C-alpha atoms as a PDB file:
ATOM      1  CA  MET A   1     139.018  -4.543 228.213  1.00  0.00           C
ATOM      2  CA  SER A   2     138.571  -1.428 226.299  1.00  0.00           C
ATOM      3  CA  GLU A   3     137.268  -0.994 222.847  1.00  0.00           C
ATOM      4  CA  PHE A   4     137.102   2.009 220.276  1.00  0.00           C
ATOM      5  CA  VAL A   5     134.371   3.739 218.606  1.00  0.00           C
ATOM      6  CA  VAL A   6     134.402   6.583 216.137  1.00  0.00           C
ATOM      7  CA  CYS A   7     132.015   9.668 216.784  1.00  0.00           C
ATOM      8  CA  LEU A   8     129.324   9.956 213.910  1.00  0.00           C
ATOM      9  CA  SER A   9     127.448  12.712 215.525  1.00  0.00           C
ATOM     10  CA  ASN A  10     127.628  15.146 218.308  1.00  0.00           C
ATOM     11  CA  GLU A  11     124.025  16.238 218.284  1.00  0.00           C
ATOM     12  CA  GLY A  12     122.946  17.399 221.756  1.00  0.00           C
ATOM     13  CA  TYR A  13     126.677  17.185 222.906  1.00  0.00           C
ATOM     14  CA  PRO A  14     128.764  19.799 220.699  1.00  0.00           C
ATOM     15  CA  ALA A  15     130.980  20.734 223.331  1.00  0.00           C
ATOM     16  CA  SER A  16     131.738  17.194 224.604  1.00  0.00           C
ATOM     17  CA  LEU A  17     132.128  15.169 221.370  1.00  0.00           C
ATOM     18  CA  GLU A  18     133.733  15.697 217.971  1.00  0.00           C
ATOM     19  CA  PRO A  19     132.524  13.971 214.810  1.00  0.00           C
ATOM     20  CA  ARG A  20     135.164  11.596 213.071  1.00  0.00           C
ATOM     21  CA  LYS A  21     137.297  11.272 216.338  1.00  0.00           C
ATOM     22  CA  LEU A  22     138.303   8.182 217.756  1.00  0.00           C
ATOM     23  CA  TYR A  23     137.133   7.418 221.345  1.00  0.00           C
ATOM     24  CA  GLU A  24     138.029   4.598 223.830  1.00  0.00           C
ATOM     25  CA  THR A  25     135.101   3.018 225.569  1.00  0.00           C
ATOM     26  CA  LEU A  26     134.795   0.984 228.905  1.00  0.00           C
ATOM     27  CA  PRO A  27     132.749  -1.857 229.336  1.00  0.00           C
ATOM     28  CA  ASP A  28     129.134  -0.921 231.201  1.00  0.00           C
ATOM     29  CA  LYS A  29     126.493  -3.568 230.728  1.00  0.00           C
ATOM     30  CA  GLU A  30     123.898  -1.595 232.455  1.00  0.00           C
ATOM     31  CA  ALA A  31     124.756   1.444 230.293  1.00  0.00           C
ATOM     32  CA  GLU A  32     124.521  -0.756 227.079  1.00  0.00           C
ATOM     33  CA  ARG A  33     121.218  -2.167 228.268  1.00  0.00           C
ATOM     34  CA  ARG A  34     119.976   1.384 228.199  1.00  0.00           C
ATOM     35  CA  GLY A  35     121.438   2.250 224.864  1.00  0.00           C
ATOM     36  CA  PHE A  36     124.389   4.224 226.247  1.00  0.00           C
ATOM     37  CA  LEU A  37     128.239   3.865 225.935  1.00  0.00           C
ATOM     38  CA  ARG A  38     130.789   4.799 228.713  1.00  0.00           C
ATOM     39  CA  VAL A  39     133.316   6.927 226.706  1.00  0.00           C
ATOM     40  CA  VAL A  40     136.612   8.332 227.803  1.00  0.00           C
ATOM     41  CA  ASP A  41     137.512  11.830 226.849  1.00  0.00           C
ATOM     42  CA  GLU A  42     141.050  13.387 226.449  1.00  0.00           C
ATOM     43  CA  SER A  43     140.910  13.918 230.217  1.00  0.00           C
ATOM     44  CA  GLY A  44     140.857  10.396 230.913  1.00  0.00           C
ATOM     45  CA  GLU A  45     137.275  10.792 232.692  1.00  0.00           C
ATOM     46  CA  ASP A  46     134.427   8.740 231.171  1.00  0.00           C
ATOM     47  CA  TYR A  47     130.784  10.006 230.403  1.00  0.00           C
ATOM     48  CA  LEU A  48     127.805   8.164 229.350  1.00  0.00           C
ATOM     49  CA  PHE A  49     126.428   8.946 225.608  1.00  0.00           C
ATOM     50  CA  PRO A  50     123.747   7.547 223.328  1.00  0.00           C
ATOM     51  CA  ALA A  51     125.418   4.676 221.631  1.00  0.00           C
ATOM     52  CA  LYS A  52     123.770   5.955 218.522  1.00  0.00           C
ATOM     53  CA  LEU A  53     126.229   8.727 218.232  1.00  0.00           C
ATOM     54  CA  PHE A  54     128.841   6.117 217.659  1.00  0.00           C
ATOM     55  CA  ALA A  55     130.028   3.310 215.395  1.00  0.00           C
ATOM     56  CA  PRO A  56     132.331   0.475 216.803  1.00  0.00           C
ATOM     57  CA  LEU A  57     135.632  -0.032 215.465  1.00  0.00           C
ATOM     58  CA  GLN A  58     137.597  -3.156 214.969  1.00  0.00           C
ATOM     59  CA  VAL A  59     141.072  -2.464 216.053  1.00  0.00           C
ATOM     60  CA  PRO A  60     144.005  -4.864 216.153  1.00  0.00           C
ATOM     61  CA  SER A  61     144.855  -5.554 219.686  1.00  0.00           C
ATOM     62  CA  ASP A  62     148.761  -4.132 219.413  1.00  0.00           C
ATOM     63  CA  LEU A  63     147.338  -0.883 218.035  1.00  0.00           C
ATOM     64  CA  ALA A  64     144.468  -0.937 220.775  1.00  0.00           C
ATOM     65  CA  ASP A  65     147.357  -1.311 223.442  1.00  0.00           C
ATOM     66  CA  THR A  66     149.537   1.441 221.691  1.00  0.00           C
ATOM     67  CA  LEU A  67     146.307   3.748 221.804  1.00  0.00           C
ATOM     68  CA  HIS A  68     145.452   2.989 225.277  1.00  0.00           C
ATOM     69  CA  LYS A  69     149.007   3.780 226.748  1.00  0.00           C
ATOM     70  CA  LEU A  70     149.033   7.099 224.684  1.00  0.00           C
ATOM     71  CA  ALA A  71     145.946   8.168 226.255  1.00  0.00           C
ATOM     72  CA  ALA A  72     147.103   7.268 229.867  1.00  0.00           C
END
């Protein structure tokens, strides 16, 4: 199940992240234990970024489904 976060800062990743942009994340317990999130970009590829650069968002399930479909 995917979740969504908003980028608060692109410090160290100016070419990869846009502040105030909504990103989909994928579950990765090992990355989370190390302080990272697996974030999906516009191309559909996922990358690890420091979790401190993001804030989690509560997105209703129907909206999350729609956003996921739009990204596919």
